Amino acid sequence: MKILVLTNLYPPHTAGTFDNRCENVTEALRLRGHSASILTSSHGLRTEQRDDQAHRRLTLNGAFGHPPVTAYLEIKALELHNNRVLLESLEQFGPELVHVFSLHGISKSLLFTLRNSKLPVVFDVFDHWLSANVREDPWLRFWNSPALPFLSQSSRKALELSGERGRMDDTAPTRMKKGYDRLPVLFAEGKACASVEPNSIAGFQFDRIYFCSQALKCLTEQVGFCVRHAEVIYPGITAAYVGDIKPAAAALTRFLVVSRLTEESGVATALKALKIARQAGLKITLSVYGRGESSYVAGLRSYAVANQLPVEFLNVSNLNSDMPALYKQHDVLLHTPEWAEPFPFTALEAMGCGLPVIASTPGGAEELLRHGENSLTYPPGDAAQLAARMQELLISPALRCQMAETAQADVLARFNETTVMDQVENFLLNSLAQTN
């Protein structure tokens, strides 16, 4: 297959994100003999960049530190640029199929340009760009919102009467086709937004789509997108994420948190749990690995110092290559999210490396984690329960070994790279066959 891969960020310019799924999947497909060209943003660069592997030409808007573009003429220029770049890539590379990953921060009008291309398009959805970010897209919101501020509404009316919207259909589309001139449910505010029926928004079509978890698929259905037909393909791990399980006699002292450091990460809860555990006599330390919001990180550091906690904030260099060794240097992973995480990627990696895992279970975590079998779980944000789980793990070495063994066996059987890539490759091949 000749595949054009479309995504917002691509290593090494990843804005501190942990998930490298797009790169891993694309490289695995290349190793299987498929040809792939990457179209991504120019994030991390001063100018656009093109080479044999990737074209870094798309412009981000309001994401990963890029300021939001809101004025009509500026948005229009940005949308025209991104759509022109996409059309040029389609023409120059001549793909048989387009493989779309995250469009967070990228023009959602590209969805309509892809639809108009008549090429088979496959969506690999592993974050909330579809369920949450489409409704925030400034270009689509301007044209589709049922209730704009008075001046914006007057401007839109004048542009429509002048034929501006029709002229945009081929260059920076605002709708799937004529007849979908407003999408009031998707772009409404407040109660009207909350009243959307699952699988009811016909103004977007995703014929071939798969999600990283059933939870993310269900969430996307609940906000209205028609994805009931979608499949679920869980992420996989490479051989680098397979390690030895520590024997029951081994001391557990080094706990690890791997997370983007934000309010919803739950790392503050981990520090509070560490304080409780230390007060109970547990001689353990905590390493924190991740980048994040400076004010939040400063608060974490202050809390650790004020309470004399043995917390080390590790330096972050290469988010992809660091991880296998990092897991293997520690004894236990604390997975602490307090948001609807699509899938617990770090827990999966740690389980493959042989670490016992203590985790909260919002979002897609329940599709991987089973309390008392392959992990210990606790309610999100409950520091006392997390501390109790930490103590339980330390005083029950047999349970810890059994859990780690079960977890690693699960990962190797269901989430190994070969099994997952077979599923992805078959999905792409079937998508291509259905359009021929």
Protein backbone atom coordinates (compact mmCIF):
# COMPACT_ATOMS: atom_id res chain seq x y z
CA MET A 1 0.00 0.00 0.00
CA LYS A 2 0.99 3.59 -0.60
CA ILE A 3 -0.15 5.49 2.50
CA LEU A 4 -0.26 9.19 3.31
CA VAL A 5 -0.13 9.58 7.10
CA LEU A 6 -1.77 12.74 8.44
CA THR A 7 -1.14 13.83 12.02
CA ASN A 8 -0.53 16.94 14.13
CA LEU A 9 2.87 16.08 15.66
CA TYR A 10 5.51 13.61 14.60
CA PRO A 11 8.77 12.75 16.39
CA PRO A 12 11.13 14.25 17.17
CA HIS A 13 8.90 17.36 17.37
CA THR A 14 6.32 16.05 19.84
CA ALA A 15 5.71 18.97 22.25
CA GLY A 16 6.38 16.77 25.27
CA THR A 17 3.66 14.25 24.44
CA PHE A 18 4.18 10.68 25.61
CA ASP A 19 2.31 8.80 22.96
CA ASN A 20 4.35 7.94 19.88
CA ARG A 21 1.71 5.67 18.41
CA CYS A 22 1.71 7.31 14.99
CA GLU A 23 5.46 6.84 14.54
CA ASN A 24 5.42 3.28 15.87
CA VAL A 25 2.53 2.21 13.63
CA THR A 26 3.93 3.92 10.56
CA GLU A 27 7.43 2.44 10.98
CA ALA A 28 5.95 -1.02 11.54
CA LEU A 29 3.95 -0.69 8.32
CA ARG A 30 7.10 0.33 6.45
CA LEU A 31 8.88 -2.75 7.77
CA ARG A 32 6.02 -4.81 6.35
CA GLY A 33 6.73 -3.42 2.89
CA HIS A 34 4.27 -0.56 2.68
CA SER A 35 5.22 2.92 1.50
CA ALA A 36 4.34 5.84 3.77
CA SER A 37 4.75 9.60 3.62
CA ILE A 38 4.06 11.78 6.67
CA LEU A 39 2.20 15.08 6.53
CA THR A 40 2.40 16.89 9.86
CA SER A 41 2.80 20.34 11.40
CA SER A 42 5.88 22.55 11.42
CA HIS A 43 5.85 22.55 15.24
CA GLY A 44 9.36 22.95 16.63
CA LEU A 45 10.67 24.51 13.41
CA ARG A 46 11.06 28.09 12.23
CA THR A 47 10.06 27.23 8.68
CA GLU A 48 8.42 24.39 6.82
CA GLN A 49 10.56 21.31 6.28
CA ARG A 50 10.37 18.56 3.67
CA ASP A 51 12.40 15.38 3.33
CA ASP A 52 11.93 11.86 2.00
CA GLN A 53 10.06 10.73 5.11
CA ALA A 54 7.95 13.68 6.24
CA HIS A 55 6.57 17.03 5.16
CA ARG A 56 6.31 19.33 8.19
CA ARG A 57 4.14 22.04 6.67
CA LEU A 58 0.79 22.27 8.44
CA THR A 59 0.10 25.15 10.83
CA LEU A 60 -1.15 24.49 14.34
CA ASN A 61 -3.80 26.70 15.90
CA GLY A 62 -4.27 27.12 19.66
CA ALA A 63 -2.50 23.93 20.72
CA PHE A 64 0.91 22.88 22.07
CA GLY A 65 1.84 26.46 22.88
CA HIS A 66 0.76 27.95 19.55
CA PRO A 67 -1.47 31.02 20.02
CA PRO A 68 -5.11 30.76 18.93
CA VAL A 69 -6.01 32.40 15.64
CA THR A 70 -9.52 33.87 15.90
CA ALA A 71 -9.92 36.84 13.52
CA TYR A 72 -11.78 35.84 10.35
CA LEU A 73 -9.15 36.84 7.79
CA GLU A 74 -6.37 35.17 9.80
CA ILE A 75 -8.38 31.97 10.23
CA LYS A 76 -9.21 31.96 6.53
CA ALA A 77 -5.54 32.32 5.58
CA LEU A 78 -4.57 29.48 7.93
CA GLU A 79 -7.33 27.20 6.61
CA LEU A 80 -6.45 27.93 2.99
CA HIS A 81 -2.81 27.13 3.73
CA ASN A 82 -3.49 23.82 5.47
CA ASN A 83 -5.95 22.64 2.84
CA ARG A 84 -3.61 23.64 0.02
CA VAL A 85 -0.77 21.70 1.67
CA LEU A 86 -2.97 18.62 2.00
CA LEU A 87 -4.07 18.78 -1.65
CA GLU A 88 -0.47 19.21 -2.77
CA SER A 89 0.59 16.18 -0.73
CA LEU A 90 -2.20 14.08 -2.21
CA GLU A 91 -1.19 15.10 -5.71
CA GLN A 92 2.58 14.72 -5.26
CA PHE A 93 2.61 11.45 -3.30
CA GLY A 94 -0.41 9.86 -4.98
CA PRO A 95 -1.47 7.66 -2.05
CA GLU A 96 -3.86 4.74 -2.31
CA LEU A 97 -5.10 5.43 1.22
CA VAL A 98 -4.89 8.16 3.88
CA HIS A 99 -4.23 7.14 7.49
CA VAL A 100 -5.33 9.90 9.89
CA PHE A 101 -4.09 10.06 13.46
CA SER A 102 -4.58 13.00 15.84
CA LEU A 103 -5.91 16.29 14.44
CA HIS A 104 -5.77 18.13 17.77
CA GLY A 105 -4.73 21.68 16.87
CA ILE A 106 -5.04 21.00 13.12
CA SER A 107 -7.76 22.40 10.83
CA LYS A 108 -10.82 20.15 11.00
CA SER A 109 -11.83 21.38 7.54
CA LEU A 110 -9.26 18.84 6.31
CA LEU A 111 -11.87 16.20 7.10
CA PHE A 112 -14.09 17.57 4.33
CA THR A 113 -11.19 17.92 1.89
CA LEU A 114 -10.33 14.28 2.49
CA ARG A 115 -13.97 13.35 1.95
CA ASN A 116 -13.99 15.23 -1.35
CA SER A 117 -10.80 13.46 -2.48
CA LYS A 118 -12.74 10.17 -2.85
CA LEU A 119 -9.74 8.29 -1.45
CA PRO A 120 -10.22 5.68 1.28
CA VAL A 121 -9.52 7.34 4.63
CA VAL A 122 -8.83 5.40 7.83
CA PHE A 123 -8.95 7.13 11.24
CA ASP A 124 -6.83 5.83 14.12
CA VAL A 125 -8.28 7.64 17.15
CA PHE A 126 -6.27 7.50 20.38
CA ASP A 127 -7.05 10.90 21.94
CA HIS A 128 -9.97 13.33 22.26
CA TRP A 129 -9.46 15.31 19.05
CA LEU A 130 -12.75 13.99 17.68
CA SER A 131 -14.90 13.75 20.80
CA ALA A 132 -13.89 17.15 22.24
CA ASN A 133 -11.87 19.28 19.84
CA VAL A 134 -14.00 19.37 16.67
CA ARG A 135 -16.63 21.52 18.35
CA GLU A 136 -13.90 24.00 19.36
CA ASP A 137 -12.50 24.41 15.83
CA PRO A 138 -12.70 28.19 15.15
CA TRP A 139 -13.30 27.89 11.39
CA LEU A 140 -16.11 25.37 11.63
CA ARG A 141 -17.58 27.12 14.67
CA PHE A 142 -17.76 30.43 12.80
CA TRP A 143 -19.71 28.91 9.91
CA ASN A 144 -21.81 26.36 11.81
CA SER A 145 -22.66 27.78 15.22
CA PRO A 146 -26.39 28.56 15.54
CA ALA A 147 -25.73 31.54 17.82
CA LEU A 148 -22.72 33.78 17.24
CA PRO A 149 -22.16 37.19 18.83
CA PHE A 150 -24.10 39.89 16.95
CA LEU A 151 -21.18 41.31 14.97
CA SER A 152 -19.88 37.87 13.98
CA GLN A 153 -23.36 36.77 12.99
CA SER A 154 -23.81 39.87 10.81
CA SER A 155 -20.42 39.29 9.22
CA ARG A 156 -21.24 35.65 8.50
CA LYS A 157 -24.57 36.59 6.93
CA ALA A 158 -22.87 39.09 4.64
CA LEU A 159 -20.22 36.57 3.63
CA GLU A 160 -22.85 33.96 2.84
CA LEU A 161 -24.92 36.38 0.77
CA SER A 162 -21.82 37.33 -1.20
CA GLY A 163 -21.16 33.68 -2.07
CA GLU A 164 -18.03 33.46 0.08
CA ARG A 165 -19.06 30.22 1.73
CA GLY A 166 -19.71 28.51 -1.58
CA ARG A 167 -16.31 29.58 -2.87
CA MET A 168 -14.71 28.00 0.20
CA ASP A 169 -16.14 24.54 -0.57
CA ASP A 170 -13.16 23.60 -2.74
CA THR A 171 -10.39 25.46 -0.95
CA ALA A 172 -11.19 25.50 2.79
CA PRO A 173 -14.49 23.63 3.25
CA THR A 174 -16.91 24.62 5.99
CA ARG A 175 -19.30 21.65 5.63
CA MET A 176 -19.53 18.15 4.25
CA LYS A 177 -21.77 19.38 1.42
CA LYS A 178 -24.49 21.91 0.75
CA GLY A 179 -27.50 21.24 2.92
CA TYR A 180 -25.39 21.06 6.07
CA ASP A 181 -25.22 24.83 6.41
CA ARG A 182 -25.45 24.67 10.19
CA LEU A 183 -24.65 21.96 12.69
CA PRO A 184 -26.61 23.42 15.61
CA VAL A 185 -26.30 20.50 18.00
CA LEU A 186 -22.53 20.12 17.67
CA PHE A 187 -21.74 23.82 17.84
CA ALA A 188 -24.43 24.89 20.30
CA GLU A 189 -23.68 26.11 23.80
CA GLY A 190 -24.81 25.01 27.26
CA LYS A 191 -27.97 22.92 27.55
CA ALA A 192 -28.46 22.68 23.80
CA CYS A 193 -25.00 21.17 23.50
CA ALA A 194 -25.76 18.66 26.26
CA SER A 195 -28.95 17.46 24.55
CA VAL A 196 -27.23 15.75 21.60
CA GLU A 197 -28.38 12.21 20.80
CA PRO A 198 -25.70 9.53 20.43
CA ASN A 199 -24.73 8.72 16.84
CA SER A 200 -26.90 11.56 15.50
CA ILE A 201 -24.57 14.06 13.82
CA ALA A 202 -24.76 13.39 10.09
CA GLY A 203 -22.59 16.35 9.06
CA PHE A 204 -19.42 14.29 9.51
CA GLN A 205 -18.79 10.81 8.16
CA PHE A 206 -16.07 8.41 9.27
CA ASP A 207 -16.58 5.30 7.16
CA ARG A 208 -13.43 3.49 8.29
CA ILE A 209 -12.41 4.24 11.86
CA TYR A 210 -10.98 2.44 14.89
CA PHE A 211 -10.37 3.55 18.47
CA CYS A 212 -7.72 2.65 21.05
CA SER A 213 -10.41 1.67 23.57
CA GLN A 214 -14.08 0.92 23.88
CA ALA A 215 -14.34 3.79 26.37
CA LEU A 216 -13.14 6.35 23.83
CA LYS A 217 -15.43 4.93 21.17
CA CYS A 218 -18.44 5.15 23.51
CA LEU A 219 -17.56 8.71 24.53
CA THR A 220 -17.37 9.74 20.88
CA GLU A 221 -20.75 8.15 20.24
CA GLN A 222 -22.25 9.91 23.25
CA VAL A 223 -21.26 13.36 22.00
CA GLY A 224 -23.10 12.63 18.77
CA PHE A 225 -20.65 11.38 16.15
CA CYS A 226 -21.78 8.42 14.04
CA VAL A 227 -19.12 5.86 14.97
CA ARG A 228 -21.21 2.92 16.18
CA HIS A 229 -19.67 0.84 13.39
CA ALA A 230 -16.10 1.59 14.51
CA GLU A 231 -13.73 -1.12 15.67
CA VAL A 232 -11.40 -1.13 18.68
CA ILE A 233 -7.73 -1.93 18.17
CA TYR A 234 -5.76 -1.71 21.38
CA PRO A 235 -2.19 -0.38 21.34
CA GLY A 236 0.75 -2.72 21.51
CA ILE A 237 4.26 -2.78 22.96
CA THR A 238 7.56 -3.61 21.31
CA ALA A 239 10.12 -6.11 22.58
CA ALA A 240 11.93 -3.24 24.32
CA TYR A 241 9.09 -3.13 26.85
CA VAL A 242 9.60 -6.71 28.07
CA GLY A 243 11.58 -7.18 31.27
CA ASP A 244 12.20 -9.53 34.15
CA ILE A 245 9.77 -9.73 37.06
CA LYS A 246 11.47 -9.11 40.39
CA PRO A 247 11.39 -12.11 42.77
CA ALA A 248 9.24 -12.07 45.89
CA ALA A 249 12.33 -11.61 48.05
CA ALA A 250 13.30 -8.38 46.30
CA ALA A 251 12.73 -5.17 48.22
CA LEU A 252 10.26 -2.71 46.77
CA THR A 253 11.52 0.79 47.41
CA ARG A 254 11.48 2.75 44.16
CA PHE A 255 8.02 3.86 43.04
CA LEU A 256 7.55 5.65 39.72
CA VAL A 257 5.00 8.00 38.19
CA VAL A 258 5.13 8.68 34.45
CA SER A 259 2.74 11.41 33.39
CA ARG A 260 2.26 14.78 31.80
CA LEU A 261 2.32 17.04 34.86
CA THR A 262 -1.05 18.77 34.93
CA GLU A 263 -3.81 19.19 37.50
CA GLU A 264 -5.66 16.17 36.13
CA SER A 265 -2.59 13.91 36.21
CA GLY A 266 -3.12 12.89 39.83
CA VAL A 267 0.57 13.34 40.67
CA ALA A 268 -0.39 15.56 43.62
CA THR A 269 -2.46 12.64 44.91
CA ALA A 270 0.60 10.38 44.55
CA LEU A 271 2.65 12.77 46.71
CA LYS A 272 -0.07 12.89 49.36
CA ALA A 273 -0.22 9.08 49.34
CA LEU A 274 3.56 8.93 49.70
CA LYS A 275 3.31 11.16 52.76
CA ILE A 276 0.70 8.86 54.32
CA ALA A 277 2.75 5.76 53.48
CA ARG A 278 5.93 7.24 54.96
CA GLN A 279 4.08 8.19 58.14
CA ALA A 280 3.00 4.53 58.36
CA GLY A 281 6.64 3.47 58.28
CA LEU A 282 7.05 2.47 54.61
CA LYS A 283 10.61 3.16 53.45
CA ILE A 284 9.88 4.05 49.86
CA THR A 285 10.82 6.77 47.40
CA LEU A 286 9.04 8.27 44.41
CA SER A 287 10.41 9.26 41.03
CA VAL A 288 8.35 11.59 38.83
CA TYR A 289 8.99 11.63 35.09
CA GLY A 290 7.28 14.08 32.80
CA ARG A 291 6.96 17.64 31.57
CA GLY A 292 4.05 19.89 32.35
CA GLU A 293 2.65 23.17 33.58
CA SER A 294 5.30 25.17 35.44
CA SER A 295 2.95 26.33 38.20
CA TYR A 296 1.76 22.79 38.86
CA VAL A 297 5.30 21.39 38.89
CA ALA A 298 6.37 24.15 41.28
CA GLY A 299 3.51 23.20 43.59
CA LEU A 300 4.57 19.55 43.54
CA ARG A 301 8.16 20.44 44.36
CA SER A 302 7.09 22.75 47.19
CA TYR A 303 4.86 20.06 48.70
CA ALA A 304 7.67 17.49 48.57
CA VAL A 305 10.15 19.87 50.23
CA ALA A 306 7.68 21.08 52.88
CA ASN A 307 6.87 17.51 53.89
CA GLN A 308 10.45 16.21 53.56
CA LEU A 309 9.40 13.58 51.05
CA PRO A 310 12.01 11.57 49.08
CA VAL A 311 10.76 12.64 45.65
CA GLU A 312 13.04 12.93 42.62
CA PHE A 313 11.90 14.83 39.55
CA LEU A 314 13.73 13.13 36.71
CA ASN A 315 15.13 14.99 33.73
CA VAL A 316 13.22 14.36 30.52
CA SER A 317 15.30 13.87 27.37
CA ASN A 318 13.97 11.42 24.78
CA LEU A 319 10.42 10.42 25.71
CA ASN A 320 10.50 7.38 23.43
CA SER A 321 13.93 5.86 24.06
CA ASP A 322 14.05 6.65 27.80
CA MET A 323 11.00 4.68 28.80
CA PRO A 324 11.98 0.96 28.75
CA ALA A 325 15.09 1.53 30.86
CA LEU A 326 13.21 3.89 33.17
CA TYR A 327 10.57 1.29 33.99
CA LYS A 328 13.18 -1.42 34.59
CA GLN A 329 15.10 0.81 37.03
CA HIS A 330 12.05 1.04 39.31
CA ASP A 331 10.00 -1.42 41.34
CA VAL A 332 6.37 -0.24 41.08
CA LEU A 333 4.41 2.03 38.74
CA LEU A 334 1.77 4.39 40.13
CA HIS A 335 -0.67 5.30 37.36
CA THR A 336 -2.68 8.19 38.78
CA PRO A 337 -4.85 9.96 36.14
CA GLU A 338 -7.94 11.82 37.30
CA TRP A 339 -9.47 12.30 33.87
CA ALA A 340 -11.06 10.08 31.23
CA GLU A 341 -7.79 8.84 29.77
CA PRO A 342 -8.48 7.00 26.50
CA PHE A 343 -6.16 4.10 27.39
CA PRO A 344 -3.49 3.63 30.10
CA PHE A 345 -0.45 3.49 27.81
CA THR A 346 2.13 3.83 30.57
CA ALA A 347 0.50 1.11 32.66
CA LEU A 348 0.61 -1.20 29.64
CA GLU A 349 4.32 -0.50 29.09
CA ALA A 350 5.18 -0.99 32.77
CA MET A 351 3.28 -4.28 32.92
CA GLY A 352 5.27 -5.52 29.95
CA CYS A 353 8.47 -4.56 31.74
CA GLY A 354 7.46 -6.73 34.70
CA LEU A 355 6.44 -3.99 37.16
CA PRO A 356 3.44 -4.35 39.44
CA VAL A 357 1.00 -1.52 38.81
CA ILE A 358 -1.24 0.47 41.15
CA ALA A 359 -3.69 2.55 39.15
CA SER A 360 -6.83 4.63 39.10
CA THR A 361 -9.37 3.51 36.53
CA PRO A 362 -11.16 6.37 34.75
CA GLY A 363 -11.58 6.21 30.97
CA GLY A 364 -10.21 3.14 29.23
CA ALA A 365 -8.21 1.77 32.17
CA GLU A 366 -10.84 -0.81 33.11
CA GLU A 367 -10.28 -2.49 29.74
CA LEU A 368 -6.73 -3.38 30.82
CA LEU A 369 -6.66 -3.39 34.60
CA ARG A 370 -8.33 -6.01 36.86
CA HIS A 371 -8.03 -5.35 40.57
CA GLY A 372 -6.30 -8.14 42.47
CA GLU A 373 -5.48 -10.05 39.27
CA ASN A 374 -3.08 -8.00 37.15
CA SER A 375 -3.00 -4.77 39.20
CA LEU A 376 -4.27 -2.99 42.28
CA THR A 377 -6.73 -0.17 41.65
CA TYR A 378 -8.10 2.74 43.68
CA PRO A 379 -10.64 5.56 43.18
CA PRO A 380 -9.18 8.57 41.32
CA GLY A 381 -7.97 11.29 43.70
CA ASP A 382 -8.17 9.14 46.84
CA ALA A 383 -4.74 9.49 48.45
CA ALA A 384 -5.65 7.34 51.47
CA GLN A 385 -6.75 4.44 49.26
CA LEU A 386 -3.63 4.79 47.11
CA ALA A 387 -1.45 4.67 50.22
CA ALA A 388 -3.32 1.57 51.40
CA ARG A 389 -2.66 -0.12 48.04
CA MET A 390 1.03 0.76 48.32
CA GLN A 391 1.18 -0.84 51.75
CA GLU A 392 -0.76 -3.88 50.55
CA LEU A 393 1.74 -4.43 47.78
CA LEU A 394 4.71 -4.23 50.13
CA ILE A 395 3.36 -6.64 52.72
CA SER A 396 2.13 -9.21 50.16
CA PRO A 397 5.12 -10.29 48.05
CA ALA A 398 3.33 -13.39 46.74
CA LEU A 399 0.39 -11.27 45.52
CA ARG A 400 2.78 -8.79 43.95
CA CYS A 401 4.59 -11.51 41.98
CA GLN A 402 1.35 -13.18 40.91
CA MET A 403 -0.06 -9.87 39.70
CA ALA A 404 3.09 -8.97 37.78
CA GLU A 405 3.20 -12.40 36.14
CA THR A 406 -0.48 -12.25 35.16
CA ALA A 407 -0.09 -8.71 33.86
CA GLN A 408 2.93 -9.52 31.74
CA ALA A 409 1.25 -12.63 30.33
CA ASP A 410 -1.81 -10.54 29.40
CA VAL A 411 0.35 -7.96 27.68
CA LEU A 412 2.41 -10.49 25.74
CA ALA A 413 -0.68 -12.38 24.61
CA ARG A 414 -3.02 -9.51 23.70
CA PHE A 415 -0.92 -6.39 23.29
CA ASN A 416 2.26 -7.50 21.57
CA GLU A 417 3.33 -5.48 18.54
CA THR A 418 2.87 -8.30 16.03
CA THR A 419 -0.72 -9.03 17.04
CA VAL A 420 -1.67 -5.35 17.05
CA MET A 421 0.02 -4.59 13.73
CA ASP A 422 -1.72 -7.58 12.13
CA GLN A 423 -5.02 -5.99 13.15
CA VAL A 424 -4.03 -2.53 11.88
CA GLU A 425 -2.65 -3.82 8.59
CA ASN A 426 -5.74 -5.96 7.96
CA PHE A 427 -7.99 -2.99 8.72
CA LEU A 428 -6.12 -0.85 6.18
CA LEU A 429 -6.12 -3.58 3.52
CA ASN A 430 -9.85 -4.19 4.00
CA SER A 431 -10.49 -0.46 3.77
CA LEU A 432 -8.62 -0.31 0.48
CA ALA A 433 -10.41 -3.38 -0.87
CA GLN A 434 -13.84 -1.99 -0.04
CA THR A 435 -13.26 1.06 -2.23
CA ASN A 436 -11.91 -0.81 -5.27
